[in-house]
Amino acid sequence: MEPAPIYYSLEKFYETSSGNILGRKVVVKGSNQVTLSGKSILHNTCILRADLAKISLGKYVIMKEGCIVKPSYTGGSGYK
């Protein structure tokens, strides 16, 4: 049995041309280094820290509230 479809209100979310659905309160730092492949859902209060390094998310990614995505720290001199 398939789950019922979920519909998102355009008052709280907006849809991009590639089919991504983003919450209006999503924080993206370094937006020119973020790649979303399409049909992904990012709920409100998600944080993407692409100011540190490039972030790529594949298709059909769902990020719930409070999720933080940032590159790992390797301990090298790559971060300034």
Protein backbone atom coordinates (compact mmCIF):
# COMPACT_ATOMS: atom_id res chain seq x y z
CA MET A 1 0.00 0.00 0.00
CA GLU A 2 1.42 3.38 -1.00
CA PRO A 3 1.44 6.30 1.43
CA ALA A 4 -0.88 9.20 0.75
CA PRO A 5 0.69 12.11 -1.18
CA ILE A 6 1.82 15.15 0.79
CA TYR A 7 0.90 18.59 -0.53
CA TYR A 8 2.95 21.66 0.41
CA SER A 9 1.41 25.11 0.83
CA LEU A 10 3.01 27.86 -1.26
CA GLU A 11 2.66 30.18 1.76
CA LYS A 12 5.41 28.24 3.56
CA PHE A 13 7.31 26.73 0.61
CA TYR A 14 8.29 27.66 -2.92
CA GLU A 15 9.13 25.48 -5.90
CA THR A 16 12.14 25.94 -8.17
CA SER A 17 12.17 25.35 -11.93
CA SER A 18 13.81 21.93 -11.46
CA GLY A 19 11.07 20.74 -9.08
CA ASN A 20 12.82 21.33 -5.76
CA ILE A 21 10.56 22.44 -2.91
CA LEU A 22 12.25 24.77 -0.43
CA GLY A 23 10.93 26.15 2.83
CA ARG A 24 10.88 29.92 2.98
CA LYS A 25 13.08 29.85 6.11
CA VAL A 26 15.87 27.64 4.69
CA VAL A 27 19.32 29.18 5.25
CA VAL A 28 21.82 28.74 2.41
CA LYS A 29 25.31 30.19 2.83
CA GLY A 30 27.40 30.20 -0.34
CA SER A 31 24.44 29.55 -2.64
CA ASN A 32 26.63 29.59 -5.77
CA GLN A 33 28.29 26.37 -4.52
CA VAL A 34 25.05 24.41 -3.87
CA THR A 35 23.77 21.90 -6.43
CA LEU A 36 20.33 20.30 -6.07
CA SER A 37 19.68 17.66 -8.73
CA GLY A 38 15.89 18.01 -8.64
CA LYS A 39 12.72 16.93 -6.89
CA SER A 40 14.24 17.49 -3.42
CA ILE A 41 12.37 18.84 -0.39
CA LEU A 42 14.06 21.07 2.18
CA HIS A 43 11.84 21.93 5.14
CA ASN A 44 12.05 25.16 7.14
CA THR A 45 15.03 25.76 9.47
CA CYS A 46 17.40 23.63 7.34
CA ILE A 47 20.91 25.05 6.98
CA LEU A 48 23.26 24.43 4.04
CA ARG A 49 26.84 25.65 4.72
CA ALA A 50 28.32 25.83 1.23
CA ASP A 51 30.50 28.80 2.21
CA LEU A 52 33.02 26.23 3.49
CA ALA A 53 33.04 23.93 0.42
CA LYS A 54 30.79 22.76 -2.44
CA ILE A 55 27.64 20.78 -1.53
CA SER A 56 25.83 18.50 -4.00
CA LEU A 57 22.53 16.82 -3.17
CA GLY A 58 21.03 14.17 -5.43
CA LYS A 59 17.46 13.66 -6.57
CA TYR A 60 14.61 12.95 -4.14
CA VAL A 61 16.43 14.19 -1.02
CA ILE A 62 14.17 15.09 1.91
CA MET A 63 15.63 17.22 4.69
CA LYS A 64 13.42 17.68 7.77
CA GLU A 65 13.38 20.67 10.14
CA GLY A 66 16.62 21.47 11.95
CA CYS A 67 18.89 19.54 9.56
CA ILE A 68 22.36 21.05 9.02
CA VAL A 69 24.53 20.06 6.05
CA LYS A 70 28.15 21.18 6.03
CA PRO A 71 31.37 19.69 4.68
CA SER A 72 33.48 17.61 7.04
CA TYR A 73 36.53 19.13 8.66
CA THR A 74 39.65 17.20 7.65
CA GLY A 75 42.07 18.97 9.95
CA GLY A 76 44.19 20.19 7.05
CA SER A 77 44.97 23.75 6.07
CA GLY A 78 42.17 23.80 3.44
CA TYR A 79 39.82 25.90 5.58
CA LYS A 80 40.60 29.48 6.38
